[in-house]
Amino acid sequence: MESGTSGDDKLLIQLFRQTGCRDQEIAHLTDADLNLATKEVIIRDKFCDRCRDCRTRNNRWKPKTDPAGYRSIPISDRLFAALVARPKGLLFPNTKNGPDQHLLRRIKIAVEHTGVERVKLHRLRDTAITNWIRDGIDIRTVQKRAGHSNIPADGGILRLGFRPRRSRPCSGQ
């Protein structure tokens, strides 16, 4: 999907695919949420007076997180460098410099010409979680990165098509 896109749209798709973040987590992501020392994206509650929902919650935006109140997600060096190079403030603001409440629409428009149908942000989230499991990340760490409160939520990924790789039988030599 991202191969047919460029610029900000490609970066946005890569961020969704590598972090498994929910749409509002990325909509509220700022340069202050990039940990320069560990090259991680930090998801945490923060001040926000630009969204109607946030204004009704005492100007606080709160993500789904583990009991510690935040979570960190490592990303590739290339993606991290591209995010750090973006302007200060929100990483993907709308036209009024507020949190973009239409990231899915933005991605659908960006990939229209690629032939990708039925774009869903949750599929990018599933991809990130599946890749972590395939990379051998323990299930508790996957649970924390995804912001899931329990293991069964992550176990659902196994039903989405992930099958542990099996070793091939010997050729008889």
Protein backbone atom coordinates (compact mmCIF):
# COMPACT_ATOMS: atom_id res chain seq x y z
CA MET A 1 0.00 0.00 0.00
CA GLU A 2 2.72 2.50 0.93
CA SER A 3 4.76 1.79 -2.20
CA GLY A 4 2.20 3.70 -4.28
CA THR A 5 2.34 6.76 -2.03
CA SER A 6 4.89 9.44 -1.28
CA GLY A 7 5.74 12.22 1.14
CA ASP A 8 3.59 12.76 4.21
CA ASP A 9 1.09 10.07 3.22
CA LYS A 10 3.77 7.40 2.89
CA LEU A 11 5.25 8.45 6.23
CA LEU A 12 1.82 8.28 7.85
CA ILE A 13 1.18 4.76 6.54
CA GLN A 14 4.63 3.61 7.69
CA LEU A 15 3.96 5.04 11.15
CA PHE A 16 0.64 3.19 11.44
CA ARG A 17 2.21 -0.04 10.16
CA GLN A 18 5.26 0.05 12.43
CA THR A 19 3.62 1.26 15.64
CA GLY A 20 0.18 -0.31 15.51
CA CYS A 21 -1.19 2.94 16.96
CA ARG A 22 -4.85 3.83 16.93
CA ASP A 23 -5.91 6.75 14.73
CA GLN A 24 -6.30 9.27 17.56
CA GLU A 25 -2.93 8.27 19.00
CA ILE A 26 -1.27 9.33 15.77
CA ALA A 27 -3.56 12.35 15.33
CA HIS A 28 -2.32 13.64 18.72
CA LEU A 29 1.35 12.66 18.23
CA THR A 30 3.80 15.56 18.59
CA ASP A 31 7.55 16.02 18.27
CA ALA A 32 7.69 15.88 22.10
CA ASP A 33 6.49 12.25 21.87
CA LEU A 34 9.67 11.15 20.10
CA ASN A 35 12.29 9.79 22.49
CA LEU A 36 15.61 10.81 20.95
CA ALA A 37 17.65 8.53 23.22
CA THR A 38 15.76 5.29 22.50
CA LYS A 39 14.25 6.10 19.08
CA GLU A 40 10.78 5.29 20.33
CA VAL A 41 7.36 6.82 19.94
CA ILE A 42 5.78 7.61 23.32
CA ILE A 43 2.01 7.36 23.68
CA ARG A 44 0.80 9.28 26.74
CA ASP A 45 -1.90 11.63 27.90
CA LYS A 46 -1.38 15.31 27.16
CA PHE A 47 -2.95 18.71 27.02
CA CYS A 48 -5.25 19.32 24.04
CA ASP A 49 -7.71 22.17 23.66
CA ARG A 50 -8.25 21.77 19.91
CA CYS A 51 -10.63 18.78 19.87
CA ARG A 52 -14.23 18.82 20.98
CA ASP A 53 -13.73 15.50 22.79
CA CYS A 54 -10.63 16.76 24.58
CA ARG A 55 -12.35 20.00 25.62
CA THR A 56 -15.12 17.97 27.26
CA ARG A 57 -12.44 16.12 29.26
CA ASN A 58 -10.79 19.15 30.86
CA ASN A 59 -8.52 19.72 27.85
CA ARG A 60 -6.84 16.33 28.24
CA TRP A 61 -6.32 13.73 25.57
CA LYS A 62 -5.95 10.25 27.04
CA PRO A 63 -4.94 7.20 25.02
CA LYS A 64 -5.59 3.61 25.90
CA THR A 65 -2.48 2.67 27.84
CA ASP A 66 -1.09 0.22 30.32
CA PRO A 67 -1.47 0.98 34.06
CA ALA A 68 1.74 3.05 33.99
CA GLY A 69 -0.13 5.72 31.98
CA TYR A 70 2.05 5.60 28.88
CA ARG A 71 3.66 3.20 26.48
CA SER A 72 6.68 3.32 24.22
CA ILE A 73 7.03 1.75 20.79
CA PRO A 74 10.38 1.37 19.01
CA ILE A 75 10.46 2.25 15.31
CA SER A 76 13.00 1.95 12.51
CA ASP A 77 15.90 4.41 12.30
CA ARG A 78 14.70 5.67 8.92
CA LEU A 79 11.15 6.36 10.13
CA PHE A 80 12.44 7.96 13.32
CA ALA A 81 14.74 10.30 11.35
CA ALA A 82 11.87 11.31 9.06
CA LEU A 83 9.61 12.08 12.04
CA VAL A 84 12.30 14.08 13.86
CA ALA A 85 12.81 16.17 10.70
CA ARG A 86 9.15 17.26 10.69
CA PRO A 87 8.12 20.70 11.99
CA LYS A 88 7.61 21.16 15.73
CA GLY A 89 4.17 20.46 17.18
CA LEU A 90 1.71 17.89 15.86
CA LEU A 91 3.39 15.50 13.43
CA PHE A 92 0.32 15.19 11.18
CA PRO A 93 -1.85 18.27 11.76
CA ASN A 94 -5.02 19.15 9.87
CA THR A 95 -5.24 22.33 7.80
CA LYS A 96 -5.92 24.37 10.95
CA ASN A 97 -2.89 22.91 12.78
CA GLY A 98 -5.07 20.81 15.05
CA PRO A 99 -5.23 17.01 15.40
CA ASP A 100 -6.39 15.50 12.10
CA GLN A 101 -9.65 13.69 12.82
CA HIS A 102 -9.75 12.18 9.31
CA LEU A 103 -6.57 10.13 8.95
CA LEU A 104 -8.39 7.16 7.41
CA ARG A 105 -9.90 9.43 4.73
CA ARG A 106 -6.45 10.87 4.06
CA ILE A 107 -4.93 7.41 3.58
CA LYS A 108 -7.82 6.22 1.37
CA ILE A 109 -7.32 9.20 -0.94
CA ALA A 110 -3.56 8.61 -1.02
CA VAL A 111 -3.89 4.96 -2.08
CA GLU A 112 -6.86 5.29 -4.47
CA HIS A 113 -4.69 4.90 -7.55
CA THR A 114 -2.81 1.86 -6.20
CA GLY A 115 -5.75 -0.54 -6.46
CA VAL A 116 -5.90 -1.15 -2.72
CA GLU A 117 -9.53 -1.56 -1.74
CA ARG A 118 -11.25 -1.36 1.63
CA VAL A 119 -8.47 0.40 3.52
CA LYS A 120 -8.88 -0.03 7.27
CA LEU A 121 -6.56 1.41 9.88
CA HIS A 122 -7.10 -1.57 12.14
CA ARG A 123 -5.50 -3.83 9.50
CA LEU A 124 -2.31 -1.76 9.81
CA ARG A 125 -2.54 -2.22 13.58
CA ASP A 126 -2.95 -5.97 13.12
CA THR A 127 0.07 -5.98 10.80
CA ALA A 128 2.26 -4.30 13.42
CA ILE A 129 1.19 -6.75 16.12
CA THR A 130 1.63 -9.75 13.83
CA ASN A 131 5.11 -8.56 12.84
CA TRP A 132 6.12 -8.17 16.49
CA ILE A 133 4.96 -11.73 17.23
CA ARG A 134 6.74 -13.07 14.13
CA ASP A 135 9.90 -11.21 15.20
CA GLY A 136 9.85 -13.16 18.45
CA ILE A 137 8.75 -10.33 20.76
CA ASP A 138 7.26 -11.85 23.88
CA ILE A 139 3.49 -11.56 24.21
CA ARG A 140 3.63 -9.30 27.31
CA THR A 141 5.76 -6.76 25.43
CA VAL A 142 3.41 -6.96 22.44
CA GLN A 143 0.51 -6.39 24.83
CA LYS A 144 2.17 -3.25 26.25
CA ARG A 145 3.14 -1.83 22.86
CA ALA A 146 -0.40 -2.32 21.54
CA GLY A 147 -1.98 -0.79 24.63
CA HIS A 148 -4.04 -3.91 25.28
CA SER A 149 -5.24 -4.58 28.78
CA ASN A 150 -5.15 -8.37 28.49
CA ILE A 151 -3.54 -11.19 26.54
CA PRO A 152 -6.70 -12.52 24.82
CA ALA A 153 -6.94 -9.25 22.88
CA ASP A 154 -3.54 -10.04 21.33
CA GLY A 155 -4.39 -13.71 20.91
CA GLY A 156 -6.96 -12.65 18.32
CA ILE A 157 -4.10 -11.86 15.96
CA LEU A 158 -3.43 -15.58 15.71
CA ARG A 159 -6.89 -16.02 14.20
CA LEU A 160 -6.21 -13.30 11.61
CA GLY A 161 -3.87 -15.54 9.66
CA PHE A 162 -0.65 -15.61 11.60
CA ARG A 163 0.71 -19.11 11.85
CA PRO A 164 4.00 -19.83 13.60
CA ARG A 165 6.62 -21.01 11.13
CA ARG A 166 7.35 -24.68 11.30
CA SER A 167 10.68 -26.22 10.53
CA ARG A 168 10.87 -28.20 7.31
CA PRO A 169 11.29 -31.95 7.55
CA CYS A 170 14.72 -33.30 6.76
CA SER A 171 15.35 -34.34 3.18
CA GLY A 172 16.54 -37.75 4.32
CA GLN A 173 20.27 -37.13 4.16
